[in-house]
Amino acid sequence: MTRMTPSEAFVETMVAHGVDTIFGIMGSAFMDAMDIFEPAGIELVPVVHEQGAAHMAVRVSAGCRPHAWSSAITARHLQLLSKPP
């Protein structure tokens, strides 16, 4: 059986919840997930600050795109999950 990477699990979960846009900071802890976003149909909007990502996601989801999501916290979770125990 092939095991799923944490990034694959993250992207699959976002797709399962109908997320089509993610606002986040591009960085090394997030690189492998960023490669999977486009084939999964998720648009990544890069930002320079976590607070900006959160504000954009709230505004977009309250307006016209209900499934936008901020990755400000999740990037750190991915980094922690990617480390061996």
C-alpha atoms as a PDB file:
ATOM      1  CA  MET A   1       0.000   0.000   0.000  1.00  0.00           C
ATOM      2  CA  THR A   2       1.291   3.440  -0.941  1.00  0.00           C
ATOM      3  CA  ARG A   3       1.336   5.931   1.912  1.00  0.00           C
ATOM      4  CA  MET A   4       0.218   9.504   1.435  1.00  0.00           C
ATOM      5  CA  THR A   5       2.588  12.344   2.312  1.00  0.00           C
ATOM      6  CA  PRO A   6       1.364  15.018   4.753  1.00  0.00           C
ATOM      7  CA  SER A   7       1.153  17.494   1.873  1.00  0.00           C
ATOM      8  CA  GLU A   8      -0.952  15.115  -0.223  1.00  0.00           C
ATOM      9  CA  ALA A   9      -3.266  14.539   2.741  1.00  0.00           C
ATOM     10  CA  PHE A  10      -3.544  18.307   3.277  1.00  0.00           C
ATOM     11  CA  VAL A  11      -4.420  18.996  -0.368  1.00  0.00           C
ATOM     12  CA  GLU A  12      -6.886  16.089  -0.532  1.00  0.00           C
ATOM     13  CA  THR A  13      -8.609  17.383   2.593  1.00  0.00           C
ATOM     14  CA  MET A  14      -8.889  20.879   1.120  1.00  0.00           C
ATOM     15  CA  VAL A  15     -10.352  19.464  -2.110  1.00  0.00           C
ATOM     16  CA  ALA A  16     -12.810  17.310  -0.130  1.00  0.00           C
ATOM     17  CA  HIS A  17     -14.019  20.458   1.642  1.00  0.00           C
ATOM     18  CA  GLY A  18     -14.459  22.345  -1.620  1.00  0.00           C
ATOM     19  CA  VAL A  19     -11.568  24.782  -1.148  1.00  0.00           C
ATOM     20  CA  ASP A  20     -10.618  26.481  -4.416  1.00  0.00           C
ATOM     21  CA  THR A  21      -8.335  29.275  -3.161  1.00  0.00           C
ATOM     22  CA  ILE A  22      -5.620  29.329  -0.520  1.00  0.00           C
ATOM     23  CA  PHE A  23      -3.863  32.493   0.686  1.00  0.00           C
ATOM     24  CA  GLY A  24      -0.435  31.819   2.132  1.00  0.00           C
ATOM     25  CA  ILE A  25       3.238  32.547   2.448  1.00  0.00           C
ATOM     26  CA  MET A  26       5.422  30.637   0.027  1.00  0.00           C
ATOM     27  CA  GLY A  27       8.284  28.920   1.772  1.00  0.00           C
ATOM     28  CA  SER A  28      10.296  25.750   2.180  1.00  0.00           C
ATOM     29  CA  ALA A  29       7.852  24.110   4.616  1.00  0.00           C
ATOM     30  CA  PHE A  30       5.137  24.536   2.014  1.00  0.00           C
ATOM     31  CA  MET A  31       6.967  23.779  -1.261  1.00  0.00           C
ATOM     32  CA  ASP A  32       5.819  20.204  -1.836  1.00  0.00           C
ATOM     33  CA  ALA A  33       2.172  21.170  -1.210  1.00  0.00           C
ATOM     34  CA  MET A  34       2.437  24.124  -3.606  1.00  0.00           C
ATOM     35  CA  ASP A  35       3.308  21.724  -6.426  1.00  0.00           C
ATOM     36  CA  ILE A  36       0.082  19.781  -5.805  1.00  0.00           C
ATOM     37  CA  PHE A  37      -2.320  22.754  -5.616  1.00  0.00           C
ATOM     38  CA  GLU A  38      -2.669  23.497  -9.332  1.00  0.00           C
ATOM     39  CA  PRO A  39      -3.353  19.904 -10.467  1.00  0.00           C
ATOM     40  CA  ALA A  40      -5.926  19.681  -7.648  1.00  0.00           C
ATOM     41  CA  GLY A  41      -7.694  22.817  -8.890  1.00  0.00           C
ATOM     42  CA  ILE A  42      -6.658  25.052  -5.988  1.00  0.00           C
ATOM     43  CA  GLU A  43      -5.377  28.564  -6.634  1.00  0.00           C
ATOM     44  CA  LEU A  44      -2.552  29.720  -4.343  1.00  0.00           C
ATOM     45  CA  VAL A  45      -2.480  33.464  -3.713  1.00  0.00           C
ATOM     46  CA  PRO A  46       0.957  34.315  -2.270  1.00  0.00           C
ATOM     47  CA  VAL A  47       1.151  36.920   0.492  1.00  0.00           C
ATOM     48  CA  VAL A  48       3.967  38.447   2.527  1.00  0.00           C
ATOM     49  CA  HIS A  49       2.320  38.311   5.949  1.00  0.00           C
ATOM     50  CA  GLU A  50       0.071  35.800   7.741  1.00  0.00           C
ATOM     51  CA  GLN A  51      -2.298  38.515   8.884  1.00  0.00           C
ATOM     52  CA  GLY A  52      -2.792  39.651   5.306  1.00  0.00           C
ATOM     53  CA  ALA A  53      -3.624  36.065   4.281  1.00  0.00           C
ATOM     54  CA  ALA A  54      -6.215  35.757   7.016  1.00  0.00           C
ATOM     55  CA  HIS A  55      -7.855  39.088   6.152  1.00  0.00           C
ATOM     56  CA  MET A  56      -7.987  38.253   2.447  1.00  0.00           C
ATOM     57  CA  ALA A  57      -9.474  34.821   3.081  1.00  0.00           C
ATOM     58  CA  VAL A  58     -12.136  36.236   5.389  1.00  0.00           C
ATOM     59  CA  ARG A  59     -13.074  38.955   2.911  1.00  0.00           C
ATOM     60  CA  VAL A  60     -13.163  36.662  -0.108  1.00  0.00           C
ATOM     61  CA  SER A  61     -15.112  33.936   1.679  1.00  0.00           C
ATOM     62  CA  ALA A  62     -17.629  36.474   3.023  1.00  0.00           C
ATOM     63  CA  GLY A  63     -18.066  37.971  -0.427  1.00  0.00           C
ATOM     64  CA  CYS A  64     -18.322  35.794  -3.454  1.00  0.00           C
ATOM     65  CA  ARG A  65     -16.108  32.734  -2.970  1.00  0.00           C
ATOM     66  CA  PRO A  66     -17.242  30.694   0.030  1.00  0.00           C
ATOM     67  CA  HIS A  67     -14.419  28.174  -0.135  1.00  0.00           C
ATOM     68  CA  ALA A  68     -11.353  30.392   0.143  1.00  0.00           C
ATOM     69  CA  TRP A  69      -9.105  29.424   3.015  1.00  0.00           C
ATOM     70  CA  SER A  70      -6.048  30.877   4.727  1.00  0.00           C
ATOM     71  CA  SER A  71      -2.972  28.706   5.015  1.00  0.00           C
ATOM     72  CA  ALA A  72      -1.246  30.983   7.518  1.00  0.00           C
ATOM     73  CA  ILE A  73      -1.384  28.426  10.323  1.00  0.00           C
ATOM     74  CA  THR A  74      -1.445  25.282   8.201  1.00  0.00           C
ATOM     75  CA  ALA A  75       2.014  25.841   6.707  1.00  0.00           C
ATOM     76  CA  ARG A  76       3.487  25.523  10.189  1.00  0.00           C
ATOM     77  CA  HIS A  77       1.408  22.398  10.851  1.00  0.00           C
ATOM     78  CA  LEU A  78       2.692  20.853   7.608  1.00  0.00           C
ATOM     79  CA  GLN A  79       6.246  21.604   8.661  1.00  0.00           C
ATOM     80  CA  LEU A  80       5.688  19.880  12.004  1.00  0.00           C
ATOM     81  CA  LEU A  81       3.960  16.874  10.392  1.00  0.00           C
ATOM     82  CA  SER A  82       6.766  16.461   7.847  1.00  0.00           C
ATOM     83  CA  LYS A  83       9.413  15.952  10.532  1.00  0.00           C
ATOM     84  CA  PRO A  84      10.090  12.363  11.553  1.00  0.00           C
ATOM     85  CA  PRO A  85       9.091  11.492  15.154  1.00  0.00           C
END
